[in-house]
Amino acid sequence: METLKFKTTIKCGGCISSVTPVLDHLEGIEKWEVDTVNPDKILTVTAATALKPETVISALAAKGYLAEAM
């Protein structure tokens, strides 16, 4: 298992609803969550297989959100 963390611009429940279909369908992701209380809006992704940070960053960018690997 691999855990990736990202600083994001996902800031509310509506944002989470917007990215849910994208993140739920990325191959290899077992679970993910966003800490919207943290000032950096940390997205934590747990993957069963090797997952490139660029894959997650691109998926979020397609929905209009920025992400930066930590």
PDB file of N, CA and C in Angstrom:
ATOM      1  N   MET A   1       0.831  -1.183   0.000  1.00  0.00           N
ATOM      2  CA  MET A   1       0.000   0.000   0.000  1.00  0.00           C
ATOM      3  C   MET A   1       0.869   1.238   0.000  1.00  0.00           C
ATOM      4  N   GLU A   2       0.341   2.250  -0.631  1.00  0.00           N
ATOM      5  CA  GLU A   2       1.049   3.511  -0.752  1.00  0.00           C
ATOM      6  C   GLU A   2       0.109   4.632  -0.346  1.00  0.00           C
ATOM      7  N   THR A   3       0.631   5.608   0.399  1.00  0.00           N
ATOM      8  CA  THR A   3      -0.163   6.766   0.794  1.00  0.00           C
ATOM      9  C   THR A   3       0.471   8.016   0.210  1.00  0.00           C
ATOM     10  N   LEU A   4      -0.349   8.787  -0.485  1.00  0.00           N
ATOM     11  CA  LEU A   4       0.094  10.053  -1.062  1.00  0.00           C
ATOM     12  C   LEU A   4      -0.677  11.188  -0.412  1.00  0.00           C
ATOM     13  N   LYS A   5      -0.004  12.320  -0.245  1.00  0.00           N
ATOM     14  CA  LYS A   5      -0.653  13.503   0.324  1.00  0.00           C
ATOM     15  C   LYS A   5      -0.434  14.683  -0.614  1.00  0.00           C
ATOM     16  N   PHE A   6      -1.485  15.506  -0.697  1.00  0.00           N
ATOM     17  CA  PHE A   6      -1.468  16.664  -1.582  1.00  0.00           C
ATOM     18  C   PHE A   6      -2.053  17.879  -0.874  1.00  0.00           C
ATOM     19  N   LYS A   7      -1.465  19.052  -1.111  1.00  0.00           N
ATOM     20  CA  LYS A   7      -2.101  20.324  -0.761  1.00  0.00           C
ATOM     21  C   LYS A   7      -3.065  20.596  -1.903  1.00  0.00           C
ATOM     22  N   THR A   8      -4.296  21.014  -1.593  1.00  0.00           N
ATOM     23  CA  THR A   8      -5.288  21.213  -2.645  1.00  0.00           C
ATOM     24  C   THR A   8      -6.078  22.509  -2.463  1.00  0.00           C
ATOM     25  N   THR A   9      -6.922  22.765  -3.445  1.00  0.00           N
ATOM     26  CA  THR A   9      -7.868  23.882  -3.357  1.00  0.00           C
ATOM     27  C   THR A   9      -9.294  23.348  -3.132  1.00  0.00           C
ATOM     28  N   ILE A  10      -9.392  22.123  -2.643  1.00  0.00           N
ATOM     29  CA  ILE A  10     -10.690  21.523  -2.303  1.00  0.00           C
ATOM     30  C   ILE A  10     -11.058  22.039  -0.918  1.00  0.00           C
ATOM     31  N   LYS A  11     -12.075  22.915  -0.847  1.00  0.00           N
ATOM     32  CA  LYS A  11     -12.304  23.600   0.422  1.00  0.00           C
ATOM     33  C   LYS A  11     -13.640  23.347   1.111  1.00  0.00           C
ATOM     34  N   CYS A  12     -14.561  22.628   0.457  1.00  0.00           N
ATOM     35  CA  CYS A  12     -15.874  22.459   1.089  1.00  0.00           C
ATOM     36  C   CYS A  12     -16.531  21.159   0.630  1.00  0.00           C
ATOM     37  N   GLY A  13     -17.687  20.880   1.180  1.00  0.00           N
ATOM     38  CA  GLY A  13     -18.431  19.685   0.809  1.00  0.00           C
ATOM     39  C   GLY A  13     -18.816  19.662  -0.659  1.00  0.00           C
ATOM     40  N   GLY A  14     -19.127  20.829  -1.214  1.00  0.00           N
ATOM     41  CA  GLY A  14     -19.471  20.902  -2.629  1.00  0.00           C
ATOM     42  C   GLY A  14     -18.280  20.535  -3.507  1.00  0.00           C
ATOM     43  N   CYS A  15     -17.096  20.981  -3.097  1.00  0.00           N
ATOM     44  CA  CYS A  15     -15.872  20.642  -3.829  1.00  0.00           C
ATOM     45  C   CYS A  15     -15.634  19.133  -3.764  1.00  0.00           C
ATOM     46  N   ILE A  16     -15.830  18.569  -2.586  1.00  0.00           N
ATOM     47  CA  ILE A  16     -15.633  17.127  -2.414  1.00  0.00           C
ATOM     48  C   ILE A  16     -16.606  16.362  -3.304  1.00  0.00           C
ATOM     49  N   SER A  17     -17.848  16.819  -3.371  1.00  0.00           N
ATOM     50  CA  SER A  17     -18.831  16.168  -4.242  1.00  0.00           C
ATOM     51  C   SER A  17     -18.401  16.231  -5.706  1.00  0.00           C
ATOM     52  N   SER A  18     -17.780  17.327  -6.080  1.00  0.00           N
ATOM     53  CA  SER A  18     -17.336  17.500  -7.459  1.00  0.00           C
ATOM     54  C   SER A  18     -16.206  16.546  -7.840  1.00  0.00           C
ATOM     55  N   VAL A  19     -15.278  16.293  -6.914  1.00  0.00           N
ATOM     56  CA  VAL A  19     -14.128  15.436  -7.231  1.00  0.00           C
ATOM     57  C   VAL A  19     -14.373  13.962  -6.932  1.00  0.00           C
ATOM     58  N   THR A  20     -15.440  13.648  -6.200  1.00  0.00           N
ATOM     59  CA  THR A  20     -15.712  12.251  -5.828  1.00  0.00           C
ATOM     60  C   THR A  20     -15.762  11.313  -7.028  1.00  0.00           C
ATOM     61  N   PRO A  21     -16.519  11.608  -8.087  1.00  0.00           N
ATOM     62  CA  PRO A  21     -16.557  10.664  -9.212  1.00  0.00           C
ATOM     63  C   PRO A  21     -15.188  10.443  -9.844  1.00  0.00           C
ATOM     64  N   VAL A  22     -14.387  11.489  -9.913  1.00  0.00           N
ATOM     65  CA  VAL A  22     -13.068  11.386 -10.530  1.00  0.00           C
ATOM     66  C   VAL A  22     -12.143  10.512  -9.676  1.00  0.00           C
ATOM     67  N   LEU A  23     -12.072  10.811  -8.394  1.00  0.00           N
ATOM     68  CA  LEU A  23     -11.169  10.060  -7.517  1.00  0.00           C
ATOM     69  C   LEU A  23     -11.646   8.629  -7.295  1.00  0.00           C
ATOM     70  N   ASP A  24     -12.952   8.434  -7.240  1.00  0.00           N
ATOM     71  CA  ASP A  24     -13.484   7.083  -7.043  1.00  0.00           C
ATOM     72  C   ASP A  24     -13.187   6.167  -8.228  1.00  0.00           C
ATOM     73  N   HIS A  25     -12.972   6.742  -9.409  1.00  0.00           N
ATOM     74  CA  HIS A  25     -12.751   5.921 -10.602  1.00  0.00           C
ATOM     75  C   HIS A  25     -11.294   5.845 -11.043  1.00  0.00           C
ATOM     76  N   LEU A  26     -10.385   6.471 -10.296  1.00  0.00           N
ATOM     77  CA  LEU A  26      -8.974   6.337 -10.635  1.00  0.00           C
ATOM     78  C   LEU A  26      -8.499   4.943 -10.234  1.00  0.00           C
ATOM     79  N   GLU A  27      -7.840   4.280 -11.157  1.00  0.00           N
ATOM     80  CA  GLU A  27      -7.391   2.920 -10.906  1.00  0.00           C
ATOM     81  C   GLU A  27      -6.338   2.894  -9.799  1.00  0.00           C
ATOM     82  N   GLY A  28      -6.526   1.974  -8.865  1.00  0.00           N
ATOM     83  CA  GLY A  28      -5.564   1.782  -7.791  1.00  0.00           C
ATOM     84  C   GLY A  28      -5.931   2.445  -6.480  1.00  0.00           C
ATOM     85  N   ILE A  29      -6.803   3.458  -6.506  1.00  0.00           N
ATOM     86  CA  ILE A  29      -7.165   4.143  -5.260  1.00  0.00           C
ATOM     87  C   ILE A  29      -8.112   3.268  -4.451  1.00  0.00           C
ATOM     88  N   GLU A  30      -7.712   2.997  -3.220  1.00  0.00           N
ATOM     89  CA  GLU A  30      -8.581   2.237  -2.312  1.00  0.00           C
ATOM     90  C   GLU A  30      -9.463   3.159  -1.492  1.00  0.00           C
ATOM     91  N   LYS A  31      -8.876   4.270  -1.022  1.00  0.00           N
ATOM     92  CA  LYS A  31      -9.671   5.258  -0.285  1.00  0.00           C
ATOM     93  C   LYS A  31      -8.978   6.604  -0.368  1.00  0.00           C
ATOM     94  N   TRP A  32      -9.757   7.634  -0.121  1.00  0.00           N
ATOM     95  CA  TRP A  32      -9.220   8.985  -0.113  1.00  0.00           C
ATOM     96  C   TRP A  32     -10.069   9.843   0.808  1.00  0.00           C
ATOM     97  N   GLU A  33      -9.468  10.924   1.313  1.00  0.00           N
ATOM     98  CA  GLU A  33     -10.201  11.864   2.158  1.00  0.00           C
ATOM     99  C   GLU A  33      -9.518  13.219   2.097  1.00  0.00           C
ATOM    100  N   VAL A  34     -10.304  14.253   2.325  1.00  0.00           N
ATOM    101  CA  VAL A  34      -9.788  15.619   2.325  1.00  0.00           C
ATOM    102  C   VAL A  34     -10.021  16.222   3.700  1.00  0.00           C
ATOM    103  N   ASP A  35      -8.963  16.766   4.273  1.00  0.00           N
ATOM    104  CA  ASP A  35      -9.068  17.469   5.551  1.00  0.00           C
ATOM    105  C   ASP A  35      -9.319  18.943   5.241  1.00  0.00           C
ATOM    106  N   THR A  36     -10.594  19.328   5.195  1.00  0.00           N
ATOM    107  CA  THR A  36     -10.944  20.710   4.845  1.00  0.00           C
ATOM    108  C   THR A  36     -10.719  21.675   6.009  1.00  0.00           C
ATOM    109  N   VAL A  37     -10.451  21.150   7.206  1.00  0.00           N
ATOM    110  CA  VAL A  37     -10.171  22.016   8.353  1.00  0.00           C
ATOM    111  C   VAL A  37      -8.727  22.514   8.293  1.00  0.00           C
ATOM    112  N   ASN A  38      -7.834  21.700   7.774  1.00  0.00           N
ATOM    113  CA  ASN A  38      -6.429  22.064   7.635  1.00  0.00           C
ATOM    114  C   ASN A  38      -6.319  23.224   6.633  1.00  0.00           C
ATOM    115  N   PRO A  39      -5.531  24.238   6.935  1.00  0.00           N
ATOM    116  CA  PRO A  39      -5.393  25.375   6.006  1.00  0.00           C
ATOM    117  C   PRO A  39      -4.887  24.965   4.612  1.00  0.00           C
ATOM    118  N   ASP A  40      -4.150  23.866   4.529  1.00  0.00           N
ATOM    119  CA  ASP A  40      -3.627  23.396   3.243  1.00  0.00           C
ATOM    120  C   ASP A  40      -4.588  22.452   2.527  1.00  0.00           C
ATOM    121  N   LYS A  41      -5.763  22.184   3.138  1.00  0.00           N
ATOM    122  CA  LYS A  41      -6.792  21.322   2.515  1.00  0.00           C
ATOM    123  C   LYS A  41      -6.160  20.018   2.010  1.00  0.00           C
ATOM    124  N   ILE A  42      -5.619  19.242   2.936  1.00  0.00           N
ATOM    125  CA  ILE A  42      -4.830  18.057   2.611  1.00  0.00           C
ATOM    126  C   ILE A  42      -5.705  16.910   2.108  1.00  0.00           C
ATOM    127  N   LEU A  43      -5.367  16.436   0.904  1.00  0.00           N
ATOM    128  CA  LEU A  43      -5.976  15.247   0.324  1.00  0.00           C
ATOM    129  C   LEU A  43      -5.033  14.085   0.607  1.00  0.00           C
ATOM    130  N   THR A  44      -5.544  13.042   1.255  1.00  0.00           N
ATOM    131  CA  THR A  44      -4.766  11.833   1.513  1.00  0.00           C
ATOM    132  C   THR A  44      -5.361  10.715   0.678  1.00  0.00           C
ATOM    133  N   VAL A  45      -4.515  10.093  -0.135  1.00  0.00           N
ATOM    134  CA  VAL A  45      -4.941   9.021  -1.028  1.00  0.00           C
ATOM    135  C   VAL A  45      -4.202   7.753  -0.643  1.00  0.00           C
ATOM    136  N   THR A  46      -4.946   6.667  -0.433  1.00  0.00           N
ATOM    137  CA  THR A  46      -4.352   5.364  -0.182  1.00  0.00           C
ATOM    138  C   THR A  46      -4.568   4.509  -1.416  1.00  0.00           C
ATOM    139  N   ALA A  47      -3.461   4.022  -1.971  1.00  0.00           N
ATOM    140  CA  ALA A  47      -3.515   3.235  -3.207  1.00  0.00           C
ATOM    141  C   ALA A  47      -2.986   1.834  -2.973  1.00  0.00           C
ATOM    142  N   ALA A  48      -3.616   0.861  -3.616  1.00  0.00           N
ATOM    143  CA  ALA A  48      -3.200  -0.531  -3.502  1.00  0.00           C
ATOM    144  C   ALA A  48      -1.960  -0.785  -4.349  1.00  0.00           C
ATOM    145  N   THR A  49      -1.830  -0.037  -5.426  1.00  0.00           N
ATOM    146  CA  THR A  49      -0.696  -0.200  -6.331  1.00  0.00           C
ATOM    147  C   THR A  49       0.031   1.130  -6.457  1.00  0.00           C
ATOM    148  N   ALA A  50       1.160   1.110  -7.136  1.00  0.00           N
ATOM    149  CA  ALA A  50       1.906   2.349  -7.342  1.00  0.00           C
ATOM    150  C   ALA A  50       1.033   3.336  -8.111  1.00  0.00           C
ATOM    151  N   LEU A  51       0.909   4.510  -7.575  1.00  0.00           N
ATOM    152  CA  LEU A  51       0.093   5.549  -8.187  1.00  0.00           C
ATOM    153  C   LEU A  51       0.957   6.795  -8.308  1.00  0.00           C
ATOM    154  N   LYS A  52       1.064   7.319  -9.512  1.00  0.00           N
ATOM    155  CA  LYS A  52       1.871   8.515  -9.729  1.00  0.00           C
ATOM    156  C   LYS A  52       1.107   9.736  -9.240  1.00  0.00           C
ATOM    157  N   PRO A  53       1.777  10.608  -8.494  1.00  0.00           N
ATOM    158  CA  PRO A  53       1.114  11.837  -8.033  1.00  0.00           C
ATOM    159  C   PRO A  53       0.529  12.640  -9.194  1.00  0.00           C
ATOM    160  N   GLU A  54       1.198  12.612 -10.352  1.00  0.00           N
ATOM    161  CA  GLU A  54       0.733  13.364 -11.511  1.00  0.00           C
ATOM    162  C   GLU A  54      -0.659  12.905 -11.963  1.00  0.00           C
ATOM    163  N   THR A  55      -0.965  11.630 -11.746  1.00  0.00           N
ATOM    164  CA  THR A  55      -2.275  11.096 -12.129  1.00  0.00           C
ATOM    165  C   THR A  55      -3.376  11.778 -11.324  1.00  0.00           C
ATOM    166  N   VAL A  56      -3.160  11.902 -10.025  1.00  0.00           N
ATOM    167  CA  VAL A  56      -4.145  12.542  -9.140  1.00  0.00           C
ATOM    168  C   VAL A  56      -4.213  14.038  -9.450  1.00  0.00           C
ATOM    169  N   ILE A  57      -3.062  14.665  -9.621  1.00  0.00           N
ATOM    170  CA  ILE A  57      -3.013  16.099  -9.911  1.00  0.00           C
ATOM    171  C   ILE A  57      -3.770  16.413 -11.202  1.00  0.00           C
ATOM    172  N   SER A  58      -3.557  15.600 -12.235  1.00  0.00           N
ATOM    173  CA  SER A  58      -4.245  15.807 -13.516  1.00  0.00           C
ATOM    174  C   SER A  58      -5.750  15.597 -13.397  1.00  0.00           C
ATOM    175  N   ALA A  59      -6.151  14.584 -12.646  1.00  0.00           N
ATOM    176  CA  ALA A  59      -7.575  14.298 -12.468  1.00  0.00           C
ATOM    177  C   ALA A  59      -8.269  15.469 -11.772  1.00  0.00           C
ATOM    178  N   LEU A  60      -7.624  16.024 -10.759  1.00  0.00           N
ATOM    179  CA  LEU A  60      -8.211  17.171 -10.049  1.00  0.00           C
ATOM    180  C   LEU A  60      -8.212  18.416 -10.935  1.00  0.00           C
ATOM    181  N   ALA A  61      -7.162  18.605 -11.711  1.00  0.00           N
ATOM    182  CA  ALA A  61      -7.085  19.767 -12.606  1.00  0.00           C
ATOM    183  C   ALA A  61      -8.214  19.747 -13.622  1.00  0.00           C
ATOM    184  N   ALA A  62      -8.596  18.553 -14.071  1.00  0.00           N
ATOM    185  CA  ALA A  62      -9.696  18.421 -15.040  1.00  0.00           C
ATOM    186  C   ALA A  62     -11.014  18.920 -14.450  1.00  0.00           C
ATOM    187  N   LYS A  63     -11.109  18.905 -13.124  1.00  0.00           N
ATOM    188  CA  LYS A  63     -12.317  19.390 -12.444  1.00  0.00           C
ATOM    189  C   LYS A  63     -12.152  20.827 -11.941  1.00  0.00           C
ATOM    190  N   GLY A  64     -10.979  21.429 -12.207  1.00  0.00           N
ATOM    191  CA  GLY A  64     -10.761  22.825 -11.831  1.00  0.00           C
ATOM    192  C   GLY A  64     -10.114  23.032 -10.494  1.00  0.00           C
ATOM    193  N   TYR A  65      -9.506  22.002  -9.930  1.00  0.00           N
ATOM    194  CA  TYR A  65      -8.849  22.110  -8.622  1.00  0.00           C
ATOM    195  C   TYR A  65      -7.354  21.952  -8.768  1.00  0.00           C
ATOM    196  N   LEU A  66      -6.627  22.677  -7.954  1.00  0.00           N
ATOM    197  CA  LEU A  66      -5.174  22.579  -7.949  1.00  0.00           C
ATOM    198  C   LEU A  66      -4.742  21.613  -6.855  1.00  0.00           C
ATOM    199  N   ALA A  67      -3.656  20.903  -7.125  1.00  0.00           N
ATOM    200  CA  ALA A  67      -3.086  19.996  -6.125  1.00  0.00           C
ATOM    201  C   ALA A  67      -1.583  20.007  -6.284  1.00  0.00           C
ATOM    202  N   GLU A  68      -0.907  19.879  -5.152  1.00  0.00           N
ATOM    203  CA  GLU A  68       0.552  19.857  -5.128  1.00  0.00           C
ATOM    204  C   GLU A  68       0.974  18.708  -4.221  1.00  0.00           C
ATOM    205  N   ALA A  69       1.801  17.802  -4.742  1.00  0.00           N
ATOM    206  CA  ALA A  69       2.268  16.672  -3.937  1.00  0.00           C
ATOM    207  C   ALA A  69       3.095  17.182  -2.760  1.00  0.00           C
ATOM    208  N   MET A  70       2.937  16.529  -1.637  1.00  0.00           N
ATOM    209  CA  MET A  70       3.693  16.909  -0.429  1.00  0.00           C
ATOM    210  C   MET A  70       4.817  15.910  -0.204  1.00  0.00           C
TER     211      MET A  70
END
